[in-house]
């Protein structure tokens, strides 16, 4: 491979790799990582079993206030309902009203 200008190197002692996306993170614990350099470009190969950690839903304060007022509940209960419904205002109000 070196004759072709390719260099392959195993990266040792990798503890974890995290790939962050807007929807959440892909986490590889104890992954095997290989770095391959060819023609000046380096690519990385990850081998392992990932787990997906969904991103926490950010609930705007205005949404909490609106749900609390519409459902006639405390802001704490309104926020809990919004988190449970992943930020869906209408569903949170209906959940609190029933």
PDB file of N, CA and C in Angstrom:
ATOM      1  N   UNK A   1       0.813  -1.196   0.000  1.00  0.00           N
ATOM      2  CA  UNK A   1       0.000   0.000   0.000  1.00  0.00           C
ATOM      3  C   UNK A   1       0.858   1.263   0.000  1.00  0.00           C
ATOM      4  N   UNK A   2       2.025   1.187   0.650  1.00  0.00           N
ATOM      5  CA  UNK A   2       2.892   2.359   0.674  1.00  0.00           C
ATOM      6  C   UNK A   2       3.397   2.701  -0.722  1.00  0.00           C
ATOM      7  N   UNK A   3       3.589   1.681  -1.576  1.00  0.00           N
ATOM      8  CA  UNK A   3       4.015   1.939  -2.948  1.00  0.00           C
ATOM      9  C   UNK A   3       2.962   2.729  -3.715  1.00  0.00           C
ATOM     10  N   UNK A   4       1.699   2.556  -3.337  1.00  0.00           N
ATOM     11  CA  UNK A   4       0.604   3.266  -3.988  1.00  0.00           C
ATOM     12  C   UNK A   4       0.365   4.640  -3.360  1.00  0.00           C
ATOM     13  N   UNK A   5       1.181   4.980  -2.350  1.00  0.00           N
ATOM     14  CA  UNK A   5       1.014   6.273  -1.682  1.00  0.00           C
ATOM     15  C   UNK A   5      -0.079   6.254  -0.640  1.00  0.00           C
ATOM     16  N   UNK A   6      -0.402   5.071  -0.127  1.00  0.00           N
ATOM     17  CA  UNK A   6      -1.465   4.928   0.856  1.00  0.00           C
ATOM     18  C   UNK A   6      -0.849   4.558   2.203  1.00  0.00           C
ATOM     19  N   UNK A   7      -1.264   5.263   3.251  1.00  0.00           N
ATOM     20  CA  UNK A   7      -0.781   4.986   4.597  1.00  0.00           C
ATOM     21  C   UNK A   7      -1.985   4.673   5.474  1.00  0.00           C
ATOM     22  N   UNK A   8      -1.980   3.499   6.114  1.00  0.00           N
ATOM     23  CA  UNK A   8      -3.081   3.077   6.983  1.00  0.00           C
ATOM     24  C   UNK A   8      -2.537   2.962   8.398  1.00  0.00           C
ATOM     25  N   UNK A   9      -3.247   3.592   9.334  1.00  0.00           N
ATOM     26  CA  UNK A   9      -2.801   3.601  10.718  1.00  0.00           C
ATOM     27  C   UNK A   9      -3.978   3.337  11.655  1.00  0.00           C
ATOM     28  N   UNK A  10      -3.792   2.422  12.583  1.00  0.00           N
ATOM     29  CA  UNK A  10      -4.808   2.136  13.602  1.00  0.00           C
ATOM     30  C   UNK A  10      -4.642   3.165  14.717  1.00  0.00           C
ATOM     31  N   UNK A  11      -5.704   3.829  15.119  1.00  0.00           N
ATOM     32  CA  UNK A  11      -5.648   4.782  16.229  1.00  0.00           C
ATOM     33  C   UNK A  11      -5.921   4.004  17.506  1.00  0.00           C
ATOM     34  N   UNK A  12      -4.985   4.053  18.422  1.00  0.00           N
ATOM     35  CA  UNK A  12      -5.045   3.246  19.647  1.00  0.00           C
ATOM     36  C   UNK A  12      -5.790   3.953  20.772  1.00  0.00           C
ATOM     37  N   UNK A  13      -6.298   3.165  21.706  1.00  0.00           N
ATOM     38  CA  UNK A  13      -6.901   3.628  22.965  1.00  0.00           C
ATOM     39  C   UNK A  13      -8.064   4.602  22.777  1.00  0.00           C
ATOM     40  N   UNK A  14      -8.899   4.370  21.780  1.00  0.00           N
ATOM     41  CA  UNK A  14     -10.066   5.225  21.562  1.00  0.00           C
ATOM     42  C   UNK A  14     -11.098   4.890  22.636  1.00  0.00           C
ATOM     43  N   UNK A  15     -11.524   5.897  23.381  1.00  0.00           N
ATOM     44  CA  UNK A  15     -12.509   5.673  24.437  1.00  0.00           C
ATOM     45  C   UNK A  15     -13.930   5.832  23.923  1.00  0.00           C
ATOM     46  N   UNK A  16     -14.179   6.882  23.145  1.00  0.00           N
ATOM     47  CA  UNK A  16     -15.503   7.045  22.545  1.00  0.00           C
ATOM     48  C   UNK A  16     -15.426   8.040  21.395  1.00  0.00           C
ATOM     49  N   UNK A  17     -16.412   7.932  20.514  1.00  0.00           N
ATOM     50  CA  UNK A  17     -16.557   8.846  19.384  1.00  0.00           C
ATOM     51  C   UNK A  17     -18.001   9.308  19.391  1.00  0.00           C
ATOM     52  N   UNK A  18     -18.212  10.617  19.219  1.00  0.00           N
ATOM     53  CA  UNK A  18     -19.564  11.170  19.204  1.00  0.00           C
ATOM     54  C   UNK A  18     -19.765  11.911  17.889  1.00  0.00           C
ATOM     55  N   UNK A  19     -20.825  11.546  17.190  1.00  0.00           N
ATOM     56  CA  UNK A  19     -21.219  12.251  15.972  1.00  0.00           C
ATOM     57  C   UNK A  19     -22.481  13.029  16.329  1.00  0.00           C
ATOM     58  N   UNK A  20     -22.381  14.353  16.314  1.00  0.00           N
ATOM     59  CA  UNK A  20     -23.489  15.215  16.733  1.00  0.00           C
ATOM     60  C   UNK A  20     -24.337  15.609  15.523  1.00  0.00           C
ATOM     61  N   UNK A  21     -25.658  15.468  15.670  1.00  0.00           N
ATOM     62  CA  UNK A  21     -26.610  15.890  14.647  1.00  0.00           C
ATOM     63  C   UNK A  21     -27.701  16.704  15.333  1.00  0.00           C
ATOM     64  N   UNK A  22     -28.498  17.463  14.590  1.00  0.00           N
ATOM     65  CA  UNK A  22     -29.578  18.225  15.217  1.00  0.00           C
ATOM     66  C   UNK A  22     -30.598  17.343  15.943  1.00  0.00           C
ATOM     67  N   UNK A  23     -30.779  16.123  15.484  1.00  0.00           N
ATOM     68  CA  UNK A  23     -31.763  15.236  16.103  1.00  0.00           C
ATOM     69  C   UNK A  23     -31.212  14.464  17.299  1.00  0.00           C
ATOM     70  N   UNK A  24     -29.891  14.457  17.456  1.00  0.00           N
ATOM     71  CA  UNK A  24     -29.284  13.730  18.569  1.00  0.00           C
ATOM     72  C   UNK A  24     -27.868  13.321  18.241  1.00  0.00           C
ATOM     73  N   UNK A  25     -27.300  12.485  19.070  1.00  0.00           N
ATOM     74  CA  UNK A  25     -25.909  12.078  18.929  1.00  0.00           C
ATOM     75  C   UNK A  25     -25.777  10.578  18.731  1.00  0.00           C
ATOM     76  N   UNK A  26     -24.864  10.198  17.838  1.00  0.00           N
ATOM     77  CA  UNK A  26     -24.474   8.802  17.671  1.00  0.00           C
ATOM     78  C   UNK A  26     -23.210   8.621  18.492  1.00  0.00           C
ATOM     79  N   UNK A  27     -23.232   7.713  19.459  1.00  0.00           N
ATOM     80  CA  UNK A  27     -22.090   7.514  20.348  1.00  0.00           C
ATOM     81  C   UNK A  27     -21.536   6.112  20.137  1.00  0.00           C
ATOM     82  N   UNK A  28     -20.231   6.049  19.866  1.00  0.00           N
ATOM     83  CA  UNK A  28     -19.519   4.781  19.726  1.00  0.00           C
ATOM     84  C   UNK A  28     -18.599   4.662  20.931  1.00  0.00           C
ATOM     85  N   UNK A  29     -18.829   3.693  21.803  1.00  0.00           N
ATOM     86  CA  UNK A  29     -17.924   3.437  22.919  1.00  0.00           C
ATOM     87  C   UNK A  29     -16.957   2.338  22.519  1.00  0.00           C
ATOM     88  N   UNK A  30     -15.710   2.488  22.896  1.00  0.00           N
ATOM     89  CA  UNK A  30     -14.660   1.499  22.604  1.00  0.00           C
ATOM     90  C   UNK A  30     -14.622   1.127  21.120  1.00  0.00           C
ATOM     91  N   UNK A  31     -14.687   2.114  20.269  1.00  0.00           N
ATOM     92  CA  UNK A  31     -14.675   1.866  18.827  1.00  0.00           C
ATOM     93  C   UNK A  31     -13.256   1.635  18.333  1.00  0.00           C
ATOM     94  N   UNK A  32     -13.159   0.920  17.225  1.00  0.00           N
ATOM     95  CA  UNK A  32     -11.882   0.752  16.537  1.00  0.00           C
ATOM     96  C   UNK A  32     -11.855   1.778  15.412  1.00  0.00           C
ATOM     97  N   UNK A  33     -10.790   2.574  15.370  1.00  0.00           N
ATOM     98  CA  UNK A  33     -10.690   3.637  14.374  1.00  0.00           C
ATOM     99  C   UNK A  33      -9.413   3.439  13.557  1.00  0.00           C
ATOM    100  N   UNK A  34      -9.591   3.494  12.246  1.00  0.00           N
ATOM    101  CA  UNK A  34      -8.469   3.380  11.324  1.00  0.00           C
ATOM    102  C   UNK A  34      -8.409   4.659  10.495  1.00  0.00           C
ATOM    103  N   UNK A  35      -7.213   5.244  10.408  1.00  0.00           N
ATOM    104  CA  UNK A  35      -7.003   6.432   9.588  1.00  0.00           C
ATOM    105  C   UNK A  35      -6.275   6.005   8.317  1.00  0.00           C
ATOM    106  N   UNK A  36      -6.808   6.399   7.176  1.00  0.00           N
ATOM    107  CA  UNK A  36      -6.206   6.050   5.895  1.00  0.00           C
ATOM    108  C   UNK A  36      -5.896   7.347   5.145  1.00  0.00           C
ATOM    109  N   UNK A  37      -4.614   7.538   4.830  1.00  0.00           N
ATOM    110  CA  UNK A  37      -4.189   8.730   4.094  1.00  0.00           C
ATOM    111  C   UNK A  37      -3.771   8.313   2.692  1.00  0.00           C
ATOM    112  N   UNK A  38      -4.380   8.983   1.695  1.00  0.00           N
ATOM    113  CA  UNK A  38      -4.070   8.690   0.307  1.00  0.00           C
ATOM    114  C   UNK A  38      -4.169   9.989  -0.487  1.00  0.00           C
ATOM    115  N   UNK A  39      -3.139  10.322  -1.196  1.00  0.00           N
ATOM    116  CA  UNK A  39      -3.068  11.526  -2.017  1.00  0.00           C
ATOM    117  C   UNK A  39      -3.382  12.783  -1.204  1.00  0.00           C
ATOM    118  N   UNK A  40      -2.887  12.820   0.030  1.00  0.00           N
ATOM    119  CA  UNK A  40      -3.047  13.998   0.873  1.00  0.00           C
ATOM    120  C   UNK A  40      -4.362  14.103   1.612  1.00  0.00           C
ATOM    121  N   UNK A  41      -5.291  13.201   1.361  1.00  0.00           N
ATOM    122  CA  UNK A  41      -6.584  13.230   2.049  1.00  0.00           C
ATOM    123  C   UNK A  41      -6.648  12.084   3.047  1.00  0.00           C
ATOM    124  N   UNK A  42      -7.101  12.392   4.258  1.00  0.00           N
ATOM    125  CA  UNK A  42      -7.222  11.373   5.295  1.00  0.00           C
ATOM    126  C   UNK A  42      -8.689  11.059   5.526  1.00  0.00           C
ATOM    127  N   UNK A  43      -9.012   9.778   5.511  1.00  0.00           N
ATOM    128  CA  UNK A  43     -10.353   9.324   5.840  1.00  0.00           C
ATOM    129  C   UNK A  43     -10.268   8.442   7.072  1.00  0.00           C
ATOM    130  N   UNK A  44     -11.349   8.408   7.845  1.00  0.00           N
ATOM    131  CA  UNK A  44     -11.382   7.626   9.072  1.00  0.00           C
ATOM    132  C   UNK A  44     -12.486   6.590   8.975  1.00  0.00           C
ATOM    133  N   UNK A  45     -12.162   5.381   9.391  1.00  0.00           N
ATOM    134  CA  UNK A  45     -13.143   4.296   9.407  1.00  0.00           C
ATOM    135  C   UNK A  45     -13.403   3.940  10.860  1.00  0.00           C
ATOM    136  N   UNK A  46     -14.679   3.912  11.237  1.00  0.00           N
ATOM    137  CA  UNK A  46     -15.077   3.591  12.602  1.00  0.00           C
ATOM    138  C   UNK A  46     -15.742   2.222  12.595  1.00  0.00           C
ATOM    139  N   UNK A  47     -15.282   1.335  13.463  1.00  0.00           N
ATOM    140  CA  UNK A  47     -15.900   0.020  13.606  1.00  0.00           C
ATOM    141  C   UNK A  47     -16.343  -0.122  15.058  1.00  0.00           C
ATOM    142  N   UNK A  48     -17.608  -0.423  15.242  1.00  0.00           N
ATOM    143  CA  UNK A  48     -18.145  -0.574  16.582  1.00  0.00           C
ATOM    144  C   UNK A  48     -19.657  -0.505  16.532  1.00  0.00           C
ATOM    145  N   UNK A  49     -20.263  -0.600  17.689  1.00  0.00           N
ATOM    146  CA  UNK A  49     -21.714  -0.556  17.779  1.00  0.00           C
ATOM    147  C   UNK A  49     -22.139   0.795  18.343  1.00  0.00           C
ATOM    148  N   UNK A  50     -22.851   1.589  17.546  1.00  0.00           N
ATOM    149  CA  UNK A  50     -23.281   2.901  18.041  1.00  0.00           C
ATOM    150  C   UNK A  50     -24.596   2.802  18.808  1.00  0.00           C
ATOM    151  N   UNK A  51     -24.809   3.796  19.637  1.00  0.00           N
ATOM    152  CA  UNK A  51     -26.124   3.974  20.256  1.00  0.00           C
ATOM    153  C   UNK A  51     -26.557   5.403  19.958  1.00  0.00           C
ATOM    154  N   UNK A  52     -27.855   5.601  19.809  1.00  0.00           N
ATOM    155  CA  UNK A  52     -28.363   6.929  19.477  1.00  0.00           C
ATOM    156  C   UNK A  52     -28.946   7.566  20.725  1.00  0.00           C
ATOM    157  N   UNK A  53     -28.521   8.786  21.009  1.00  0.00           N
ATOM    158  CA  UNK A  53     -29.061   9.560  22.120  1.00  0.00           C
ATOM    159  C   UNK A  53     -29.808  10.745  21.526  1.00  0.00           C
ATOM    160  N   UNK A  54     -31.132  10.715  21.639  1.00  0.00           N
ATOM    161  CA  UNK A  54     -31.950  11.778  21.070  1.00  0.00           C
ATOM    162  C   UNK A  54     -31.661  13.101  21.770  1.00  0.00           C
ATOM    163  N   UNK A  55     -31.700  14.178  21.006  1.00  0.00           N
ATOM    164  CA  UNK A  55     -31.466  15.511  21.556  1.00  0.00           C
ATOM    165  C   UNK A  55     -32.660  15.919  22.411  1.00  0.00           C
ATOM    166  N   UNK A  56     -32.367  16.619  23.483  1.00  0.00           N
ATOM    167  CA  UNK A  56     -33.431  17.128  24.345  1.00  0.00           C
ATOM    168  C   UNK A  56     -34.191  18.221  23.596  1.00  0.00           C
ATOM    169  N   UNK A  57     -35.487  18.210  23.747  1.00  0.00           N
ATOM    170  CA  UNK A  57     -36.321  19.200  23.081  1.00  0.00           C
ATOM    171  C   UNK A  57     -36.215  20.514  23.856  1.00  0.00           C
ATOM    172  N   UNK A  58     -35.917  21.590  23.150  1.00  0.00           N
ATOM    173  CA  UNK A  58     -35.870  22.899  23.788  1.00  0.00           C
ATOM    174  C   UNK A  58     -37.257  23.507  23.722  1.00  0.00           C
ATOM    175  N   UNK A  59     -37.783  23.849  24.887  1.00  0.00           N
ATOM    176  CA  UNK A  59     -39.129  24.399  24.980  1.00  0.00           C
ATOM    177  C   UNK A  59     -39.020  25.899  25.271  1.00  0.00           C
ATOM    178  N   UNK A  60     -39.483  26.744  24.346  1.00  0.00           N
ATOM    179  CA  UNK A  60     -39.435  28.188  24.586  1.00  0.00           C
ATOM    180  C   UNK A  60     -40.343  28.591  25.752  1.00  0.00           C
ATOM    181  N   UNK A  61     -39.911  29.581  26.508  1.00  0.00           N
ATOM    182  CA  UNK A  61     -40.667  30.085  27.667  1.00  0.00           C
ATOM    183  C   UNK A  61     -42.066  30.531  27.252  1.00  0.00           C
ATOM    184  N   UNK A  62     -42.181  31.131  26.069  1.00  0.00           N
ATOM    185  CA  UNK A  62     -43.492  31.601  25.595  1.00  0.00           C
ATOM    186  C   UNK A  62     -44.466  30.433  25.434  1.00  0.00           C
ATOM    187  N   UNK A  63     -43.957  29.288  24.960  1.00  0.00           N
ATOM    188  CA  UNK A  63     -44.814  28.112  24.794  1.00  0.00           C
ATOM    189  C   UNK A  63     -45.300  27.609  26.151  1.00  0.00           C
ATOM    190  N   UNK A  64     -44.414  27.604  27.132  1.00  0.00           N
ATOM    191  CA  UNK A  64     -44.787  27.155  28.483  1.00  0.00           C
ATOM    192  C   UNK A  64     -45.872  28.066  29.039  1.00  0.00           C
ATOM    193  N   UNK A  65     -45.682  29.380  28.904  1.00  0.00           N
ATOM    194  CA  UNK A  65     -46.657  30.347  29.414  1.00  0.00           C
ATOM    195  C   UNK A  65     -48.006  30.172  28.724  1.00  0.00           C
ATOM    196  N   UNK A  66     -48.007  29.992  27.419  1.00  0.00           N
ATOM    197  CA  UNK A  66     -49.257  29.835  26.672  1.00  0.00           C
ATOM    198  C   UNK A  66     -49.990  28.559  27.087  1.00  0.00           C
ATOM    199  N   UNK A  67     -49.274  27.446  27.189  1.00  0.00           N
ATOM    200  CA  UNK A  67     -49.908  26.180  27.575  1.00  0.00           C
ATOM    201  C   UNK A  67     -50.445  26.273  29.004  1.00  0.00           C
ATOM    202  N   UNK A  68     -49.695  26.891  29.905  1.00  0.00           N
ATOM    203  CA  UNK A  68     -50.140  27.043  31.290  1.00  0.00           C
ATOM    204  C   UNK A  68     -51.438  27.854  31.347  1.00  0.00           C
ATOM    205  N   UNK A  69     -51.506  28.942  30.567  1.00  0.00           N
ATOM    206  CA  UNK A  69     -52.704  29.791  30.556  1.00  0.00           C
ATOM    207  C   UNK A  69     -53.890  29.065  29.932  1.00  0.00           C
ATOM    208  N   UNK A  70     -53.661  28.382  28.800  1.00  0.00           N
ATOM    209  CA  UNK A  70     -54.758  27.701  28.104  1.00  0.00           C
ATOM    210  C   UNK A  70     -55.306  26.514  28.904  1.00  0.00           C
ATOM    211  N   UNK A  71     -54.415  25.786  29.583  1.00  0.00           N
ATOM    212  CA  UNK A  71     -54.846  24.589  30.321  1.00  0.00           C
ATOM    213  C   UNK A  71     -55.131  24.893  31.787  1.00  0.00           C
ATOM    214  N   UNK A  72     -54.889  26.151  32.198  1.00  0.00           N
ATOM    215  CA  UNK A  72     -55.121  26.576  33.576  1.00  0.00           C
ATOM    216  C   UNK A  72     -54.352  25.705  34.576  1.00  0.00           C
ATOM    217  N   UNK A  73     -53.056  25.556  34.309  1.00  0.00           N
ATOM    218  CA  UNK A  73     -52.172  24.776  35.188  1.00  0.00           C
ATOM    219  C   UNK A  73     -50.912  25.606  35.461  1.00  0.00           C
ATOM    220  N   UNK A  74     -50.080  25.119  36.353  1.00  0.00           N
ATOM    221  CA  UNK A  74     -48.827  25.806  36.652  1.00  0.00           C
ATOM    222  C   UNK A  74     -47.873  25.695  35.464  1.00  0.00           C
ATOM    223  N   UNK A  75     -46.902  26.588  35.418  1.00  0.00           N
ATOM    224  CA  UNK A  75     -45.914  26.537  34.336  1.00  0.00           C
ATOM    225  C   UNK A  75     -45.073  25.267  34.422  1.00  0.00           C
ATOM    226  N   UNK A  76     -44.870  24.777  35.633  1.00  0.00           N
ATOM    227  CA  UNK A  76     -44.107  23.528  35.794  1.00  0.00           C
ATOM    228  C   UNK A  76     -44.830  22.361  35.128  1.00  0.00           C
ATOM    229  N   UNK A  77     -46.144  22.253  35.360  1.00  0.00           N
ATOM    230  CA  UNK A  77     -46.927  21.174  34.735  1.00  0.00           C
ATOM    231  C   UNK A  77     -46.993  21.368  33.224  1.00  0.00           C
ATOM    232  N   UNK A  78     -47.087  22.619  32.791  1.00  0.00           N
ATOM    233  CA  UNK A  78     -47.134  22.909  31.355  1.00  0.00           C
ATOM    234  C   UNK A  78     -45.824  22.483  30.690  1.00  0.00           C
ATOM    235  N   UNK A  79     -44.709  22.780  31.337  1.00  0.00           N
ATOM    236  CA  UNK A  79     -43.416  22.400  30.763  1.00  0.00           C
ATOM    237  C   UNK A  79     -43.279  20.880  30.705  1.00  0.00           C
ATOM    238  N   UNK A  80     -43.705  20.184  31.765  1.00  0.00           N
ATOM    239  CA  UNK A  80     -43.660  18.712  31.766  1.00  0.00           C
ATOM    240  C   UNK A  80     -44.471  18.147  30.603  1.00  0.00           C
ATOM    241  N   UNK A  81     -45.651  18.712  30.362  1.00  0.00           N
ATOM    242  CA  UNK A  81     -46.496  18.241  29.263  1.00  0.00           C
ATOM    243  C   UNK A  81     -45.848  18.521  27.917  1.00  0.00           C
ATOM    244  N   UNK A  82     -45.219  19.680  27.774  1.00  0.00           N
ATOM    245  CA  UNK A  82     -44.545  20.013  26.513  1.00  0.00           C
ATOM    246  C   UNK A  82     -43.351  19.096  26.260  1.00  0.00           C
ATOM    247  N   UNK A  83     -42.604  18.782  27.293  1.00  0.00           N
ATOM    248  CA  UNK A  83     -41.481  17.860  27.139  1.00  0.00           C
ATOM    249  C   UNK A  83     -41.997  16.481  26.739  1.00  0.00           C
ATOM    250  N   UNK A  84     -43.070  16.023  27.393  1.00  0.00           N
ATOM    251  CA  UNK A  84     -43.641  14.702  27.093  1.00  0.00           C
ATOM    252  C   UNK A  84     -44.169  14.627  25.667  1.00  0.00           C
ATOM    253  N   UNK A  85     -44.644  15.755  25.138  1.00  0.00           N
ATOM    254  CA  UNK A  85     -45.193  15.769  23.781  1.00  0.00           C
ATOM    255  C   UNK A  85     -44.192  16.299  22.758  1.00  0.00           C
ATOM    256  N   UNK A  86     -42.932  16.407  23.170  1.00  0.00           N
ATOM    257  CA  UNK A  86     -41.842  16.862  22.294  1.00  0.00           C
ATOM    258  C   UNK A  86     -42.117  18.244  21.696  1.00  0.00           C
ATOM    259  N   UNK A  87     -42.712  19.125  22.524  1.00  0.00           N
ATOM    260  CA  UNK A  87     -42.931  20.509  22.118  1.00  0.00           C
ATOM    261  C   UNK A  87     -44.218  20.776  21.374  1.00  0.00           C
ATOM    262  N   UNK A  88     -45.080  19.778  21.221  1.00  0.00           N
ATOM    263  CA  UNK A  88     -46.352  19.958  20.504  1.00  0.00           C
ATOM    264  C   UNK A  88     -47.342  20.675  21.431  1.00  0.00           C
ATOM    265  N   UNK A  89     -47.596  21.944  21.145  1.00  0.00           N
ATOM    266  CA  UNK A  89     -48.426  22.779  22.017  1.00  0.00           C
ATOM    267  C   UNK A  89     -49.848  22.248  22.116  1.00  0.00           C
ATOM    268  N   UNK A  90     -50.475  21.966  20.975  1.00  0.00           N
ATOM    269  CA  UNK A  90     -51.867  21.501  20.981  1.00  0.00           C
ATOM    270  C   UNK A  90     -52.000  20.183  21.744  1.00  0.00           C
ATOM    271  N   UNK A  91     -51.089  19.268  21.523  1.00  0.00           N
ATOM    272  CA  UNK A  91     -51.146  17.984  22.207  1.00  0.00           C
ATOM    273  C   UNK A  91     -50.942  18.156  23.703  1.00  0.00           C
ATOM    274  N   UNK A  92     -50.050  19.068  24.101  1.00  0.00           N
ATOM    275  CA  UNK A  92     -49.800  19.304  25.514  1.00  0.00           C
ATOM    276  C   UNK A  92     -51.049  19.871  26.193  1.00  0.00           C
ATOM    277  N   UNK A  93     -51.724  20.816  25.532  1.00  0.00           N
ATOM    278  CA  UNK A  93     -52.954  21.388  26.097  1.00  0.00           C
ATOM    279  C   UNK A  93     -54.026  20.319  26.228  1.00  0.00           C
ATOM    280  N   UNK A  94     -54.189  19.497  25.190  1.00  0.00           N
ATOM    281  CA  UNK A  94     -55.201  18.424  25.243  1.00  0.00           C
ATOM    282  C   UNK A  94     -54.871  17.423  26.343  1.00  0.00           C
ATOM    283  N   UNK A  95     -53.620  17.108  26.511  1.00  0.00           N
ATOM    284  CA  UNK A  95     -53.190  16.160  27.549  1.00  0.00           C
ATOM    285  C   UNK A  95     -53.513  16.721  28.939  1.00  0.00           C
ATOM    286  N   UNK A  96     -53.267  17.993  29.133  1.00  0.00           N
ATOM    287  CA  UNK A  96     -53.536  18.608  30.436  1.00  0.00           C
ATOM    288  C   UNK A  96     -55.020  18.805  30.692  1.00  0.00           C
ATOM    289  N   UNK A  97     -55.795  18.993  29.630  1.00  0.00           N
ATOM    290  CA  UNK A  97     -57.229  19.222  29.770  1.00  0.00           C
ATOM    291  C   UNK A  97     -57.995  17.943  30.099  1.00  0.00           C
ATOM    292  N   UNK A  98     -57.435  16.796  29.764  1.00  0.00           N
ATOM    293  CA  UNK A  98     -58.163  15.542  30.010  1.00  0.00           C
ATOM    294  C   UNK A  98     -57.922  14.986  31.387  1.00  0.00           C
TER     295      UNK A  98
END
